[in-house]
Amino acid sequence: MVHIVSPFNLFIYLFITIQERRGYCFDKGSYIHELYTEQELIDRGIEYVVSTMPSGVFEPDGTTTEIKRYTSVEEFKQMNPDCCSLTPFMYDGDGYIDDDGYSYIRIEYLRHYVENLEPDRKVIFLEYTPCGELQRKASFSKN
């Protein structure tokens, strides 16, 4: 059985998809930038990083290097000024140049260790849904 998509259904689908891509939350009837300030979104991203940071890193030799975790969002911001930015896409060239919404928060921070080791620079991208929920998208080390 072949299902044919009507032009009207296609139009509705495209309309919803485009509006969500621009940051419109249909559940709350507003755009994400009307629901949250940029600082609120950034603080929520930092809170996610602080609360999910592991306690240690498993090394190739089987040992564990203990991570010195941040105690609060405030401490994180103090030790990582200019850590965060909101962006409509993760990589340059993704998306459309006229997108006026944002979908990702880029968080760059130092991961310190309990032992006196050189800290690692980490970069994480968290994705926001149009309604402001967070999900981890990508992370990597930056040396």
Protein backbone atom coordinates (compact mmCIF):
# COMPACT_ATOMS: atom_id res chain seq x y z
CA MET A 1 0.00 0.00 0.00
CA VAL A 2 1.44 3.36 -1.04
CA HIS A 3 0.81 6.41 1.14
CA ILE A 4 0.79 9.70 -0.67
CA VAL A 5 1.58 12.81 1.31
CA SER A 6 -0.80 15.63 0.58
CA PRO A 7 0.63 19.07 -0.18
CA PHE A 8 -1.22 20.43 2.86
CA ASN A 9 0.36 17.88 5.23
CA LEU A 10 3.77 18.57 3.72
CA PHE A 11 3.24 22.31 4.22
CA ILE A 12 2.25 21.80 7.88
CA TYR A 13 5.27 19.54 8.48
CA LEU A 14 7.67 22.04 6.91
CA PHE A 15 6.11 24.95 8.81
CA ILE A 16 6.48 23.18 12.16
CA THR A 17 10.02 22.02 11.37
CA ILE A 18 11.16 25.50 10.33
CA GLN A 19 9.57 27.14 13.38
CA GLU A 20 11.18 24.62 15.75
CA ARG A 21 14.55 25.15 14.04
CA ARG A 22 14.15 28.87 14.68
CA GLY A 23 13.58 28.16 18.38
CA TYR A 24 9.79 28.10 18.64
CA CYS A 25 8.39 25.92 21.44
CA PHE A 26 4.87 24.84 20.49
CA ASP A 27 4.23 23.39 23.98
CA LYS A 28 4.82 26.79 25.61
CA GLY A 29 3.73 28.99 22.71
CA SER A 30 6.94 31.06 22.65
CA TYR A 31 10.41 31.25 21.20
CA ILE A 32 13.26 30.02 23.40
CA HIS A 33 14.70 33.55 23.70
CA GLU A 34 11.34 34.70 25.11
CA LEU A 35 11.33 31.87 27.68
CA TYR A 36 14.92 32.19 28.93
CA THR A 37 17.65 34.81 28.92
CA GLU A 38 20.99 33.88 27.39
CA GLN A 39 22.54 33.90 30.87
CA GLU A 40 19.87 31.51 32.19
CA LEU A 41 20.61 29.08 29.36
CA ILE A 42 24.36 29.37 29.93
CA ASP A 43 23.97 28.84 33.69
CA ARG A 44 21.82 25.75 33.06
CA GLY A 45 24.53 24.39 30.76
CA ILE A 46 27.23 25.03 33.37
CA GLU A 47 25.06 23.39 36.03
CA TYR A 48 24.81 20.32 33.79
CA VAL A 49 28.62 20.16 33.41
CA VAL A 50 29.22 20.65 37.14
CA SER A 51 26.65 18.01 38.14
CA THR A 52 27.72 15.37 35.59
CA MET A 53 31.50 15.76 35.81
CA PRO A 54 33.07 12.37 36.54
CA SER A 55 35.11 11.84 39.69
CA GLY A 56 38.01 10.27 37.82
CA VAL A 57 39.57 9.38 34.49
CA PHE A 58 40.60 5.81 33.68
CA GLU A 59 44.14 5.75 32.35
CA PRO A 60 45.47 3.24 29.76
CA ASP A 61 47.60 1.56 32.45
CA GLY A 62 44.47 0.73 34.49
CA THR A 63 44.90 3.44 37.12
CA THR A 64 42.45 6.22 37.84
CA THR A 65 43.34 9.91 37.96
CA GLU A 66 41.02 11.73 40.36
CA ILE A 67 39.31 14.85 39.02
CA LYS A 68 38.90 17.92 41.22
CA ARG A 69 35.24 18.71 40.66
CA TYR A 70 33.77 22.22 40.69
CA THR A 71 31.65 22.85 43.77
CA SER A 72 29.18 25.28 42.17
CA VAL A 73 28.18 27.16 39.04
CA GLU A 74 29.73 30.29 40.56
CA GLU A 75 33.11 28.60 41.11
CA PHE A 76 33.01 27.24 37.55
CA LYS A 77 32.35 30.71 36.11
CA GLN A 78 35.05 32.27 38.28
CA MET A 79 37.67 29.73 37.13
CA ASN A 80 36.51 29.73 33.50
CA PRO A 81 35.58 33.30 32.54
CA ASP A 82 34.26 33.64 28.99
CA CYS A 83 33.67 29.87 28.95
CA CYS A 84 30.38 29.79 27.18
CA SER A 85 28.51 30.96 24.14
CA LEU A 86 25.18 30.22 22.52
CA THR A 87 25.24 29.31 18.85
CA PRO A 88 22.70 28.19 16.24
CA PHE A 89 24.93 25.30 15.15
CA MET A 90 27.81 23.17 16.39
CA TYR A 91 30.15 23.51 13.44
CA ASP A 92 30.85 26.45 11.14
CA GLY A 93 28.83 26.03 7.99
CA ASP A 94 25.99 24.03 9.56
CA GLY A 95 22.51 25.46 9.27
CA TYR A 96 21.39 28.60 7.54
CA ILE A 97 22.97 32.00 7.89
CA ASP A 98 19.61 33.65 8.64
CA ASP A 99 18.70 31.39 11.59
CA ASP A 100 17.69 33.68 14.43
CA GLY A 101 17.38 30.98 17.07
CA TYR A 102 20.08 29.11 18.90
CA SER A 103 20.27 25.42 19.54
CA TYR A 104 23.63 24.84 21.21
CA ILE A 105 25.73 26.07 24.06
CA ARG A 106 29.49 25.73 23.66
CA ILE A 107 31.26 25.32 27.01
CA GLU A 108 35.06 25.41 27.17
CA TYR A 109 36.64 24.79 30.56
CA LEU A 110 39.66 23.47 32.44
CA ARG A 111 39.43 20.06 34.07
CA HIS A 112 41.70 20.08 37.13
CA TYR A 113 43.05 17.04 38.92
CA VAL A 114 43.54 16.32 42.63
CA GLU A 115 47.17 15.46 41.90
CA ASN A 116 49.31 18.38 40.80
CA LEU A 117 48.87 17.66 37.07
CA GLU A 118 48.47 20.03 34.15
CA PRO A 119 44.72 20.67 33.67
CA ASP A 120 43.02 19.50 30.47
CA ARG A 121 41.06 21.95 28.36
CA LYS A 122 37.66 20.42 27.57
CA VAL A 123 35.02 21.57 25.11
CA ILE A 124 31.45 20.36 25.30
CA PHE A 125 28.42 21.18 23.17
CA LEU A 126 24.99 20.83 24.73
CA GLU A 127 21.89 20.99 22.59
CA TYR A 128 18.80 22.88 23.65
CA THR A 129 15.41 21.79 22.40
CA PRO A 130 13.12 24.67 21.34
CA CYS A 131 11.51 24.40 24.80
CA GLY A 132 14.85 24.69 26.62
CA GLU A 133 15.59 21.09 27.60
CA LEU A 134 19.26 20.10 27.49
CA GLN A 135 20.95 17.08 25.99
CA ARG A 136 24.63 16.33 25.55
CA LYS A 137 25.64 16.50 21.90
CA ALA A 138 29.43 16.28 21.70
CA SER A 139 32.54 16.75 23.78
CA PHE A 140 36.25 16.61 23.17
CA SER A 141 39.59 17.60 24.66
CA LYS A 142 41.38 20.65 23.36
CA ASN A 143 45.11 20.93 23.88
